[in-house]
Amino acid sequence: MSIKIQTLEDGTAVILEPKGSLIGGPETDELKNTLISMLTQGKIKVIVDLGGVEYLNSSAIGVLTVSHSTLSAAGGKLVLCNVNKSISNVFLVTKLATIFLTEDTRNDALLAIGK
């Protein structure tokens, strides 16, 4: 099952909205390719709204981690928002909560990405 990624540009950031489960198949590749595309276009402030994501596995975590590192190295920022409790728990257990900037809402993410 493929997910849809909606890209919204408000001038300060790009917002990606994956839907469904990110389990290492075409949907995870789509997220990875979209993030790479944003970087090659010089869009280095990216918000990933995970409100529509039910589950993610290690492949998706790898995509997010590499994207975070790449965007940071380019002077940008990756902010996650609307993370559900089970995904949040995965980030806590793996200590990725100390790496990713996570906000409760999209508005909070937009404020954080501007800093």
PDB file of N, CA and C in Angstrom:
ATOM      1  N   MET A   1       0.841  -1.178   0.000  1.00  0.00           N
ATOM      2  CA  MET A   1       0.000   0.000   0.000  1.00  0.00           C
ATOM      3  C   MET A   1       0.888   1.243   0.000  1.00  0.00           C
ATOM      4  N   SER A   2       0.664   2.094  -0.968  1.00  0.00           N
ATOM      5  CA  SER A   2       1.457   3.319  -1.072  1.00  0.00           C
ATOM      6  C   SER A   2       0.803   4.435  -0.264  1.00  0.00           C
ATOM      7  N   ILE A   3       1.602   5.309   0.244  1.00  0.00           N
ATOM      8  CA  ILE A   3       1.069   6.450   0.984  1.00  0.00           C
ATOM      9  C   ILE A   3       1.145   7.689   0.105  1.00  0.00           C
ATOM     10  N   LYS A   4       0.374   8.683   0.453  1.00  0.00           N
ATOM     11  CA  LYS A   4       0.435   9.950  -0.267  1.00  0.00           C
ATOM     12  C   LYS A   4       1.188  10.946   0.594  1.00  0.00           C
ATOM     13  N   ILE A   5       2.015  11.707  -0.064  1.00  0.00           N
ATOM     14  CA  ILE A   5       2.747  12.756   0.626  1.00  0.00           C
ATOM     15  C   ILE A   5       2.299  14.072   0.031  1.00  0.00           C
ATOM     16  N   GLN A   6       1.739  14.902   0.855  1.00  0.00           N
ATOM     17  CA  GLN A   6       1.308  16.221   0.414  1.00  0.00           C
ATOM     18  C   GLN A   6       2.358  17.221   0.856  1.00  0.00           C
ATOM     19  N   THR A   7       2.847  17.989  -0.085  1.00  0.00           N
ATOM     20  CA  THR A   7       3.858  18.985   0.229  1.00  0.00           C
ATOM     21  C   THR A   7       3.207  20.359   0.199  1.00  0.00           C
ATOM     22  N   LEU A   8       3.248  21.052   1.317  1.00  0.00           N
ATOM     23  CA  LEU A   8       2.710  22.399   1.424  1.00  0.00           C
ATOM     24  C   LEU A   8       3.869  23.354   1.652  1.00  0.00           C
ATOM     25  N   GLU A   9       3.888  24.426   0.926  1.00  0.00           N
ATOM     26  CA  GLU A   9       4.951  25.408   1.118  1.00  0.00           C
ATOM     27  C   GLU A   9       4.340  26.693   1.642  1.00  0.00           C
ATOM     28  N   ASP A  10       4.786  27.136   2.794  1.00  0.00           N
ATOM     29  CA  ASP A  10       4.272  28.374   3.371  1.00  0.00           C
ATOM     30  C   ASP A  10       5.334  29.472   3.392  1.00  0.00           C
ATOM     31  N   GLY A  11       6.431  29.231   2.733  1.00  0.00           N
ATOM     32  CA  GLY A  11       7.485  30.225   2.682  1.00  0.00           C
ATOM     33  C   GLY A  11       8.600  29.980   3.680  1.00  0.00           C
ATOM     34  N   THR A  12       8.299  29.383   4.821  1.00  0.00           N
ATOM     35  CA  THR A  12       9.341  29.145   5.814  1.00  0.00           C
ATOM     36  C   THR A  12       9.771  27.689   5.870  1.00  0.00           C
ATOM     37  N   ALA A  13       8.919  26.798   5.390  1.00  0.00           N
ATOM     38  CA  ALA A  13       9.225  25.373   5.511  1.00  0.00           C
ATOM     39  C   ALA A  13       8.434  24.581   4.486  1.00  0.00           C
ATOM     40  N   VAL A  14       8.837  23.342   4.329  1.00  0.00           N
ATOM     41  CA  VAL A  14       8.089  22.382   3.531  1.00  0.00           C
ATOM     42  C   VAL A  14       7.479  21.399   4.513  1.00  0.00           C
ATOM     43  N   ILE A  15       6.187  21.107   4.325  1.00  0.00           N
ATOM     44  CA  ILE A  15       5.491  20.190   5.219  1.00  0.00           C
ATOM     45  C   ILE A  15       5.132  18.934   4.438  1.00  0.00           C
ATOM     46  N   LEU A  16       5.614  17.814   4.918  1.00  0.00           N
ATOM     47  CA  LEU A  16       5.312  16.522   4.306  1.00  0.00           C
ATOM     48  C   LEU A  16       4.329  15.781   5.189  1.00  0.00           C
ATOM     49  N   GLU A  17       3.315  15.184   4.568  1.00  0.00           N
ATOM     50  CA  GLU A  17       2.284  14.467   5.312  1.00  0.00           C
ATOM     51  C   GLU A  17       2.162  13.028   4.824  1.00  0.00           C
ATOM     52  N   PRO A  18       3.011  12.152   5.319  1.00  0.00           N
ATOM     53  CA  PRO A  18       2.841  10.745   4.948  1.00  0.00           C
ATOM     54  C   PRO A  18       1.577  10.180   5.594  1.00  0.00           C
ATOM     55  N   LYS A  19       0.984   9.195   4.953  1.00  0.00           N
ATOM     56  CA  LYS A  19      -0.221   8.543   5.484  1.00  0.00           C
ATOM     57  C   LYS A  19      -0.014   7.036   5.461  1.00  0.00           C
ATOM     58  N   GLY A  20      -0.555   6.356   6.451  1.00  0.00           N
ATOM     59  CA  GLY A  20      -0.489   4.895   6.491  1.00  0.00           C
ATOM     60  C   GLY A  20       0.640   4.392   7.354  1.00  0.00           C
ATOM     61  N   SER A  21       1.270   3.331   6.917  1.00  0.00           N
ATOM     62  CA  SER A  21       2.385   2.729   7.646  1.00  0.00           C
ATOM     63  C   SER A  21       3.660   2.857   6.832  1.00  0.00           C
ATOM     64  N   LEU A  22       4.742   3.173   7.503  1.00  0.00           N
ATOM     65  CA  LEU A  22       6.050   3.282   6.860  1.00  0.00           C
ATOM     66  C   LEU A  22       6.851   2.061   7.284  1.00  0.00           C
ATOM     67  N   ILE A  23       6.822   1.040   6.439  1.00  0.00           N
ATOM     68  CA  ILE A  23       7.410  -0.245   6.838  1.00  0.00           C
ATOM     69  C   ILE A  23       8.479  -0.740   5.870  1.00  0.00           C
ATOM     70  N   GLY A  24       9.135   0.179   5.190  1.00  0.00           N
ATOM     71  CA  GLY A  24      10.270  -0.211   4.375  1.00  0.00           C
ATOM     72  C   GLY A  24       9.975  -0.539   2.933  1.00  0.00           C
ATOM     73  N   GLY A  25       8.733  -0.404   2.507  1.00  0.00           N
ATOM     74  CA  GLY A  25       8.381  -0.673   1.116  1.00  0.00           C
ATOM     75  C   GLY A  25       8.346   0.602   0.299  1.00  0.00           C
ATOM     76  N   PRO A  26       7.491   0.620  -0.723  1.00  0.00           N
ATOM     77  CA  PRO A  26       7.416   1.780  -1.608  1.00  0.00           C
ATOM     78  C   PRO A  26       7.061   3.077  -0.886  1.00  0.00           C
ATOM     79  N   GLU A  27       6.264   2.978   0.170  1.00  0.00           N
ATOM     80  CA  GLU A  27       5.875   4.188   0.899  1.00  0.00           C
ATOM     81  C   GLU A  27       7.076   4.817   1.606  1.00  0.00           C
ATOM     82  N   THR A  28       7.966   4.018   2.120  1.00  0.00           N
ATOM     83  CA  THR A  28       9.165   4.544   2.768  1.00  0.00           C
ATOM     84  C   THR A  28      10.121   5.109   1.716  1.00  0.00           C
ATOM     85  N   ASP A  29      10.222   4.437   0.577  1.00  0.00           N
ATOM     86  CA  ASP A  29      11.038   4.953  -0.525  1.00  0.00           C
ATOM     87  C   ASP A  29      10.501   6.295  -1.016  1.00  0.00           C
ATOM     88  N   GLU A  30       9.172   6.425  -1.062  1.00  0.00           N
ATOM     89  CA  GLU A  30       8.554   7.681  -1.488  1.00  0.00           C
ATOM     90  C   GLU A  30       8.919   8.818  -0.527  1.00  0.00           C
ATOM     91  N   LEU A  31       8.878   8.533   0.771  1.00  0.00           N
ATOM     92  CA  LEU A  31       9.260   9.543   1.760  1.00  0.00           C
ATOM     93  C   LEU A  31      10.725   9.914   1.587  1.00  0.00           C
ATOM     94  N   LYS A  32      11.578   8.916   1.422  1.00  0.00           N
ATOM     95  CA  LYS A  32      13.018   9.159   1.245  1.00  0.00           C
ATOM     96  C   LYS A  32      13.281   9.999  -0.003  1.00  0.00           C
ATOM     97  N   ASN A  33      12.671   9.637  -1.104  1.00  0.00           N
ATOM     98  CA  ASN A  33      12.877  10.366  -2.354  1.00  0.00           C
ATOM     99  C   ASN A  33      12.352  11.793  -2.272  1.00  0.00           C
ATOM    100  N   THR A  34      11.244  11.986  -1.571  1.00  0.00           N
ATOM    101  CA  THR A  34      10.695  13.330  -1.397  1.00  0.00           C
ATOM    102  C   THR A  34      11.637  14.179  -0.556  1.00  0.00           C
ATOM    103  N   LEU A  35      12.184  13.609   0.504  1.00  0.00           N
ATOM    104  CA  LEU A  35      13.132  14.347   1.344  1.00  0.00           C
ATOM    105  C   LEU A  35      14.398  14.693   0.567  1.00  0.00           C
ATOM    106  N   ILE A  36      14.892  13.769  -0.244  1.00  0.00           N
ATOM    107  CA  ILE A  36      16.071  14.039  -1.077  1.00  0.00           C
ATOM    108  C   ILE A  36      15.761  15.153  -2.073  1.00  0.00           C
ATOM    109  N   SER A  37      14.578  15.102  -2.659  1.00  0.00           N
ATOM    110  CA  SER A  37      14.161  16.116  -3.623  1.00  0.00           C
ATOM    111  C   SER A  37      14.103  17.503  -2.974  1.00  0.00           C
ATOM    112  N   MET A  38      13.592  17.567  -1.756  1.00  0.00           N
ATOM    113  CA  MET A  38      13.524  18.857  -1.050  1.00  0.00           C
ATOM    114  C   MET A  38      14.928  19.428  -0.864  1.00  0.00           C
ATOM    115  N   LEU A  39      15.855  18.570  -0.482  1.00  0.00           N
ATOM    116  CA  LEU A  39      17.234  19.009  -0.254  1.00  0.00           C
ATOM    117  C   LEU A  39      17.884  19.490  -1.549  1.00  0.00           C
ATOM    118  N   THR A  40      17.701  18.752  -2.636  1.00  0.00           N
ATOM    119  CA  THR A  40      18.320  19.154  -3.900  1.00  0.00           C
ATOM    120  C   THR A  40      17.709  20.443  -4.446  1.00  0.00           C
ATOM    121  N   GLN A  41      16.493  20.760  -4.018  1.00  0.00           N
ATOM    122  CA  GLN A  41      15.849  22.012  -4.416  1.00  0.00           C
ATOM    123  C   GLN A  41      16.235  23.165  -3.482  1.00  0.00           C
ATOM    124  N   GLY A  42      17.083  22.871  -2.491  1.00  0.00           N
ATOM    125  CA  GLY A  42      17.513  23.899  -1.559  1.00  0.00           C
ATOM    126  C   GLY A  42      16.527  24.162  -0.436  1.00  0.00           C
ATOM    127  N   LYS A  43      15.546  23.305  -0.302  1.00  0.00           N
ATOM    128  CA  LYS A  43      14.551  23.443   0.769  1.00  0.00           C
ATOM    129  C   LYS A  43      15.056  22.645   1.962  1.00  0.00           C
ATOM    130  N   ILE A  44      15.628  23.368   2.918  1.00  0.00           N
ATOM    131  CA  ILE A  44      16.329  22.686   4.004  1.00  0.00           C
ATOM    132  C   ILE A  44      15.606  22.775   5.350  1.00  0.00           C
ATOM    133  N   LYS A  45      14.423  23.362   5.367  1.00  0.00           N
ATOM    134  CA  LYS A  45      13.601  23.356   6.578  1.00  0.00           C
ATOM    135  C   LYS A  45      12.361  22.533   6.278  1.00  0.00           C
ATOM    136  N   VAL A  46      12.319  21.346   6.890  1.00  0.00           N
ATOM    137  CA  VAL A  46      11.279  20.372   6.563  1.00  0.00           C
ATOM    138  C   VAL A  46      10.553  19.930   7.825  1.00  0.00           C
ATOM    139  N   ILE A  47       9.231  19.951   7.742  1.00  0.00           N
ATOM    140  CA  ILE A  47       8.381  19.412   8.799  1.00  0.00           C
ATOM    141  C   ILE A  47       7.758  18.134   8.274  1.00  0.00           C
ATOM    142  N   VAL A  48       7.854  17.060   9.056  1.00  0.00           N
ATOM    143  CA  VAL A  48       7.184  15.812   8.699  1.00  0.00           C
ATOM    144  C   VAL A  48       6.049  15.623   9.705  1.00  0.00           C
ATOM    145  N   ASP A  49       4.822  15.784   9.206  1.00  0.00           N
ATOM    146  CA  ASP A  49       3.626  15.638  10.032  1.00  0.00           C
ATOM    147  C   ASP A  49       3.245  14.163  10.037  1.00  0.00           C
ATOM    148  N   LEU A  50       3.472  13.509  11.164  1.00  0.00           N
ATOM    149  CA  LEU A  50       3.232  12.070  11.280  1.00  0.00           C
ATOM    150  C   LEU A  50       1.830  11.744  11.789  1.00  0.00           C
ATOM    151  N   GLY A  51       0.929  12.719  11.769  1.00  0.00           N
ATOM    152  CA  GLY A  51      -0.429  12.502  12.259  1.00  0.00           C
ATOM    153  C   GLY A  51      -1.179  11.398  11.530  1.00  0.00           C
ATOM    154  N   GLY A  52      -0.864  11.176  10.278  1.00  0.00           N
ATOM    155  CA  GLY A  52      -1.530  10.138   9.499  1.00  0.00           C
ATOM    156  C   GLY A  52      -0.764   8.830   9.428  1.00  0.00           C
ATOM    157  N   VAL A  53       0.327   8.724  10.196  1.00  0.00           N
ATOM    158  CA  VAL A  53       1.149   7.512  10.175  1.00  0.00           C
ATOM    159  C   VAL A  53       0.796   6.654  11.384  1.00  0.00           C
ATOM    160  N   GLU A  54       0.369   5.424  11.105  1.00  0.00           N
ATOM    161  CA  GLU A  54      -0.023   4.513  12.172  1.00  0.00           C
ATOM    162  C   GLU A  54       1.165   3.774  12.763  1.00  0.00           C
ATOM    163  N   TYR A  55       2.145   3.475  11.916  1.00  0.00           N
ATOM    164  CA  TYR A  55       3.263   2.623  12.342  1.00  0.00           C
ATOM    165  C   TYR A  55       4.475   2.943  11.482  1.00  0.00           C
ATOM    166  N   LEU A  56       5.650   2.857  12.078  1.00  0.00           N
ATOM    167  CA  LEU A  56       6.874   2.923  11.287  1.00  0.00           C
ATOM    168  C   LEU A  56       7.864   1.929  11.851  1.00  0.00           C
ATOM    169  N   ASN A  57       8.698   1.403  10.964  1.00  0.00           N
ATOM    170  CA  ASN A  57       9.691   0.422  11.401  1.00  0.00           C
ATOM    171  C   ASN A  57      11.093   1.010  11.292  1.00  0.00           C
ATOM    172  N   SER A  58      12.090   0.158  11.446  1.00  0.00           N
ATOM    173  CA  SER A  58      13.479   0.624  11.465  1.00  0.00           C
ATOM    174  C   SER A  58      13.903   1.254  10.141  1.00  0.00           C
ATOM    175  N   SER A  59      13.337   0.807   9.037  1.00  0.00           N
ATOM    176  CA  SER A  59      13.674   1.409   7.741  1.00  0.00           C
ATOM    177  C   SER A  59      13.243   2.869   7.700  1.00  0.00           C
ATOM    178  N   ALA A  60      12.038   3.137   8.158  1.00  0.00           N
ATOM    179  CA  ALA A  60      11.536   4.514   8.181  1.00  0.00           C
ATOM    180  C   ALA A  60      12.317   5.359   9.182  1.00  0.00           C
ATOM    181  N   ILE A  61      12.661   4.779  10.313  1.00  0.00           N
ATOM    182  CA  ILE A  61      13.472   5.508  11.297  1.00  0.00           C
ATOM    183  C   ILE A  61      14.822   5.853  10.673  1.00  0.00           C
ATOM    184  N   GLY A  62      15.389   4.928   9.901  1.00  0.00           N
ATOM    185  CA  GLY A  62      16.651   5.187   9.207  1.00  0.00           C
ATOM    186  C   GLY A  62      16.523   6.349   8.236  1.00  0.00           C
ATOM    187  N   VAL A  63      15.434   6.387   7.468  1.00  0.00           N
ATOM    188  CA  VAL A  63      15.203   7.490   6.523  1.00  0.00           C
ATOM    189  C   VAL A  63      15.123   8.822   7.265  1.00  0.00           C
ATOM    190  N   LEU A  64      14.383   8.846   8.362  1.00  0.00           N
ATOM    191  CA  LEU A  64      14.250  10.084   9.141  1.00  0.00           C
ATOM    192  C   LEU A  64      15.585  10.500   9.755  1.00  0.00           C
ATOM    193  N   THR A  65      16.351   9.530  10.241  1.00  0.00           N
ATOM    194  CA  THR A  65      17.639   9.832  10.873  1.00  0.00           C
ATOM    195  C   THR A  65      18.640  10.387   9.857  1.00  0.00           C
ATOM    196  N   VAL A  66      18.734   9.739   8.705  1.00  0.00           N
ATOM    197  CA  VAL A  66      19.651  10.219   7.664  1.00  0.00           C
ATOM    198  C   VAL A  66      19.216  11.600   7.178  1.00  0.00           C
ATOM    199  N   SER A  67      17.910  11.788   7.006  1.00  0.00           N
ATOM    200  CA  SER A  67      17.400  13.093   6.568  1.00  0.00           C
ATOM    201  C   SER A  67      17.716  14.174   7.588  1.00  0.00           C
ATOM    202  N   HIS A  68      17.539  13.860   8.854  1.00  0.00           N
ATOM    203  CA  HIS A  68      17.862  14.815   9.922  1.00  0.00           C
ATOM    204  C   HIS A  68      19.336  15.217   9.851  1.00  0.00           C
ATOM    205  N   SER A  69      20.217  14.236   9.722  1.00  0.00           N
ATOM    206  CA  SER A  69      21.652  14.515   9.659  1.00  0.00           C
ATOM    207  C   SER A  69      22.018  15.328   8.427  1.00  0.00           C
ATOM    208  N   THR A  70      21.451  14.955   7.281  1.00  0.00           N
ATOM    209  CA  THR A  70      21.755  15.639   6.023  1.00  0.00           C
ATOM    210  C   THR A  70      21.255  17.077   6.043  1.00  0.00           C
ATOM    211  N   LEU A  71      20.027  17.270   6.516  1.00  0.00           N
ATOM    212  CA  LEU A  71      19.477  18.629   6.586  1.00  0.00           C
ATOM    213  C   LEU A  71      20.259  19.480   7.584  1.00  0.00           C
ATOM    214  N   SER A  72      20.624  18.913   8.712  1.00  0.00           N
ATOM    215  CA  SER A  72      21.407  19.652   9.713  1.00  0.00           C
ATOM    216  C   SER A  72      22.753  20.069   9.150  1.00  0.00           C
ATOM    217  N   ALA A  73      23.403  19.158   8.427  1.00  0.00           N
ATOM    218  CA  ALA A  73      24.707  19.460   7.831  1.00  0.00           C
ATOM    219  C   ALA A  73      24.603  20.571   6.790  1.00  0.00           C
ATOM    220  N   ALA A  74      23.430  20.698   6.162  1.00  0.00           N
ATOM    221  CA  ALA A  74      23.217  21.734   5.151  1.00  0.00           C
ATOM    222  C   ALA A  74      22.734  23.042   5.770  1.00  0.00           C
ATOM    223  N   GLY A  75      22.674  23.082   7.113  1.00  0.00           N
ATOM    224  CA  GLY A  75      22.211  24.289   7.798  1.00  0.00           C
ATOM    225  C   GLY A  75      20.709  24.354   7.970  1.00  0.00           C
ATOM    226  N   GLY A  76      20.040  23.240   7.724  1.00  0.00           N
ATOM    227  CA  GLY A  76      18.587  23.203   7.827  1.00  0.00           C
ATOM    228  C   GLY A  76      18.119  22.523   9.091  1.00  0.00           C
ATOM    229  N   LYS A  77      16.861  22.111   9.048  1.00  0.00           N
ATOM    230  CA  LYS A  77      16.258  21.524  10.234  1.00  0.00           C
ATOM    231  C   LYS A  77      15.137  20.584   9.813  1.00  0.00           C
ATOM    232  N   LEU A  78      14.996  19.485  10.549  1.00  0.00           N
ATOM    233  CA  LEU A  78      13.883  18.560  10.383  1.00  0.00           C
ATOM    234  C   LEU A  78      13.105  18.549  11.684  1.00  0.00           C
ATOM    235  N   VAL A  79      11.813  18.820  11.598  1.00  0.00           N
ATOM    236  CA  VAL A  79      10.953  18.808  12.773  1.00  0.00           C
ATOM    237  C   VAL A  79       9.819  17.820  12.524  1.00  0.00           C
ATOM    238  N   LEU A  80       9.557  16.977  13.507  1.00  0.00           N
ATOM    239  CA  LEU A  80       8.445  16.036  13.434  1.00  0.00           C
ATOM    240  C   LEU A  80       7.293  16.585  14.265  1.00  0.00           C
ATOM    241  N   CYS A  81       6.062  16.351  13.814  1.00  0.00           N
ATOM    242  CA  CYS A  81       4.924  16.781  14.615  1.00  0.00           C
ATOM    243  C   CYS A  81       3.797  15.756  14.525  1.00  0.00           C
ATOM    244  N   ASN A  82       2.850  15.891  15.438  1.00  0.00           N
ATOM    245  CA  ASN A  82       1.680  15.004  15.510  1.00  0.00           C
ATOM    246  C   ASN A  82       2.079  13.535  15.595  1.00  0.00           C
ATOM    247  N   VAL A  83       3.084  13.257  16.399  1.00  0.00           N
ATOM    248  CA  VAL A  83       3.591  11.887  16.554  1.00  0.00           C
ATOM    249  C   VAL A  83       2.678  11.143  17.532  1.00  0.00           C
ATOM    250  N   ASN A  84       2.156   9.983  17.105  1.00  0.00           N
ATOM    251  CA  ASN A  84       1.263   9.244  17.999  1.00  0.00           C
ATOM    252  C   ASN A  84       2.054   8.600  19.141  1.00  0.00           C
ATOM    253  N   LYS A  85       1.322   8.104  20.121  1.00  0.00           N
ATOM    254  CA  LYS A  85       1.954   7.587  21.335  1.00  0.00           C
ATOM    255  C   LYS A  85       2.876   6.402  21.070  1.00  0.00           C
ATOM    256  N   SER A  86       2.488   5.478  20.209  1.00  0.00           N
ATOM    257  CA  SER A  86       3.338   4.297  19.986  1.00  0.00           C
ATOM    258  C   SER A  86       4.642   4.681  19.277  1.00  0.00           C
ATOM    259  N   ILE A  87       4.568   5.600  18.314  1.00  0.00           N
ATOM    260  CA  ILE A  87       5.793   6.049  17.640  1.00  0.00           C
ATOM    261  C   ILE A  87       6.650   6.851  18.607  1.00  0.00           C
ATOM    262  N   SER A  88       6.008   7.668  19.416  1.00  0.00           N
ATOM    263  CA  SER A  88       6.735   8.443  20.428  1.00  0.00           C
ATOM    264  C   SER A  88       7.471   7.504  21.391  1.00  0.00           C
ATOM    265  N   ASN A  89       6.827   6.417  21.768  1.00  0.00           N
ATOM    266  CA  ASN A  89       7.464   5.436  22.661  1.00  0.00           C
ATOM    267  C   ASN A  89       8.679   4.787  22.006  1.00  0.00           C
ATOM    268  N   VAL A  90       8.598   4.514  20.698  1.00  0.00           N
ATOM    269  CA  VAL A  90       9.749   3.960  19.977  1.00  0.00           C
ATOM    270  C   VAL A  90      10.911   4.944  20.040  1.00  0.00           C
ATOM    271  N   PHE A  91      10.623   6.229  19.822  1.00  0.00           N
ATOM    272  CA  PHE A  91      11.673   7.252  19.890  1.00  0.00           C
ATOM    273  C   PHE A  91      12.270   7.338  21.293  1.00  0.00           C
ATOM    274  N   LEU A  92      11.444   7.173  22.321  1.00  0.00           N
ATOM    275  CA  LEU A  92      11.955   7.216  23.696  1.00  0.00           C
ATOM    276  C   LEU A  92      12.845   6.015  23.997  1.00  0.00           C
ATOM    277  N   VAL A  93      12.387   4.824  23.641  1.00  0.00           N
ATOM    278  CA  VAL A  93      13.132   3.596  23.928  1.00  0.00           C
ATOM    279  C   VAL A  93      14.470   3.585  23.190  1.00  0.00           C
ATOM    280  N   THR A  94      14.481   4.063  21.951  1.00  0.00           N
ATOM    281  CA  THR A  94      15.707   4.051  21.153  1.00  0.00           C
ATOM    282  C   THR A  94      16.579   5.284  21.391  1.00  0.00           C
ATOM    283  N   LYS A  95      16.104   6.170  22.253  1.00  0.00           N
ATOM    284  CA  LYS A  95      16.788   7.424  22.597  1.00  0.00           C
ATOM    285  C   LYS A  95      16.859   8.395  21.422  1.00  0.00           C
ATOM    286  N   LEU A  96      16.060   8.154  20.393  1.00  0.00           N
ATOM    287  CA  LEU A  96      15.996   9.080  19.268  1.00  0.00           C
ATOM    288  C   LEU A  96      15.221  10.348  19.635  1.00  0.00           C
ATOM    289  N   ALA A  97      14.504  10.294  20.746  1.00  0.00           N
ATOM    290  CA  ALA A  97      13.784  11.484  21.215  1.00  0.00           C
ATOM    291  C   ALA A  97      14.770  12.601  21.552  1.00  0.00           C
ATOM    292  N   THR A  98      16.021  12.240  21.829  1.00  0.00           N
ATOM    293  CA  THR A  98      17.033  13.263  22.128  1.00  0.00           C
ATOM    294  C   THR A  98      17.626  13.859  20.856  1.00  0.00           C
ATOM    295  N   ILE A  99      17.385  13.213  19.722  1.00  0.00           N
ATOM    296  CA  ILE A  99      17.926  13.680  18.444  1.00  0.00           C
ATOM    297  C   ILE A  99      16.893  14.476  17.659  1.00  0.00           C
ATOM    298  N   PHE A 100      15.669  13.929  17.553  1.00  0.00           N
ATOM    299  CA  PHE A 100      14.627  14.579  16.769  1.00  0.00           C
ATOM    300  C   PHE A 100      13.946  15.686  17.557  1.00  0.00           C
ATOM    301  N   LEU A 101      13.717  16.798  16.891  1.00  0.00           N
ATOM    302  CA  LEU A 101      12.897  17.854  17.449  1.00  0.00           C
ATOM    303  C   LEU A 101      11.458  17.479  17.127  1.00  0.00           C
ATOM    304  N   THR A 102      10.657  17.262  18.154  1.00  0.00           N
ATOM    305  CA  THR A 102       9.277  16.819  17.983  1.00  0.00           C
ATOM    306  C   THR A 102       8.347  17.811  18.652  1.00  0.00           C
ATOM    307  N   GLU A 103       7.320  18.219  17.925  1.00  0.00           N
ATOM    308  CA  GLU A 103       6.321  19.152  18.438  1.00  0.00           C
ATOM    309  C   GLU A 103       4.947  18.492  18.388  1.00  0.00           C
ATOM    310  N   ASP A 104       4.059  18.943  19.286  1.00  0.00           N
ATOM    311  CA  ASP A 104       2.724  18.350  19.360  1.00  0.00           C
ATOM    312  C   ASP A 104       1.869  18.680  18.142  1.00  0.00           C
ATOM    313  N   THR A 105       1.949  19.925  17.665  1.00  0.00           N
ATOM    314  CA  THR A 105       1.080  20.356  16.578  1.00  0.00           C
ATOM    315  C   THR A 105       1.903  20.911  15.419  1.00  0.00           C
ATOM    316  N   ARG A 106       1.237  21.043  14.277  1.00  0.00           N
ATOM    317  CA  ARG A 106       1.898  21.629  13.111  1.00  0.00           C
ATOM    318  C   ARG A 106       2.256  23.086  13.373  1.00  0.00           C
ATOM    319  N   ASN A 107       1.383  23.814  14.036  1.00  0.00           N
ATOM    320  CA  ASN A 107       1.683  25.210  14.347  1.00  0.00           C
ATOM    321  C   ASN A 107       2.927  25.323  15.223  1.00  0.00           C
ATOM    322  N   ASP A 108       3.040  24.446  16.223  1.00  0.00           N
ATOM    323  CA  ASP A 108       4.235  24.446  17.069  1.00  0.00           C
ATOM    324  C   ASP A 108       5.475  24.106  16.253  1.00  0.00           C
ATOM    325  N   ALA A 109       5.335  23.190  15.297  1.00  0.00           N
ATOM    326  CA  ALA A 109       6.460  22.804  14.437  1.00  0.00           C
ATOM    327  C   ALA A 109       6.887  23.988  13.568  1.00  0.00           C
ATOM    328  N   LEU A 110       5.923  24.733  13.048  1.00  0.00           N
ATOM    329  CA  LEU A 110       6.248  25.915  12.233  1.00  0.00           C
ATOM    330  C   LEU A 110       6.986  26.954  13.061  1.00  0.00           C
ATOM    331  N   LEU A 111       6.568  27.127  14.310  1.00  0.00           N
ATOM    332  CA  LEU A 111       7.280  28.059  15.196  1.00  0.00           C
ATOM    333  C   LEU A 111       8.684  27.557  15.488  1.00  0.00           C
ATOM    334  N   ALA A 112       8.830  26.266  15.728  1.00  0.00           N
ATOM    335  CA  ALA A 112      10.150  25.703  16.065  1.00  0.00           C
ATOM    336  C   ALA A 112      11.107  25.742  14.890  1.00  0.00           C
ATOM    337  N   ILE A 113      10.589  25.549  13.692  1.00  0.00           N
ATOM    338  CA  ILE A 113      11.468  25.494  12.540  1.00  0.00           C
ATOM    339  C   ILE A 113      11.989  26.894  12.187  1.00  0.00           C
ATOM    340  N   GLY A 114      11.281  27.899  12.625  1.00  0.00           N
ATOM    341  CA  GLY A 114      11.709  29.274  12.354  1.00  0.00           C
ATOM    342  C   GLY A 114      12.843  29.734  13.246  1.00  0.00           C
ATOM    343  N   LYS A 115      13.107  28.997  14.330  1.00  0.00           N
ATOM    344  CA  LYS A 115      14.148  29.402  15.285  1.00  0.00           C
ATOM    345  C   LYS A 115      15.523  29.080  14.770  1.00  0.00           C
TER     346      LYS A 115
END
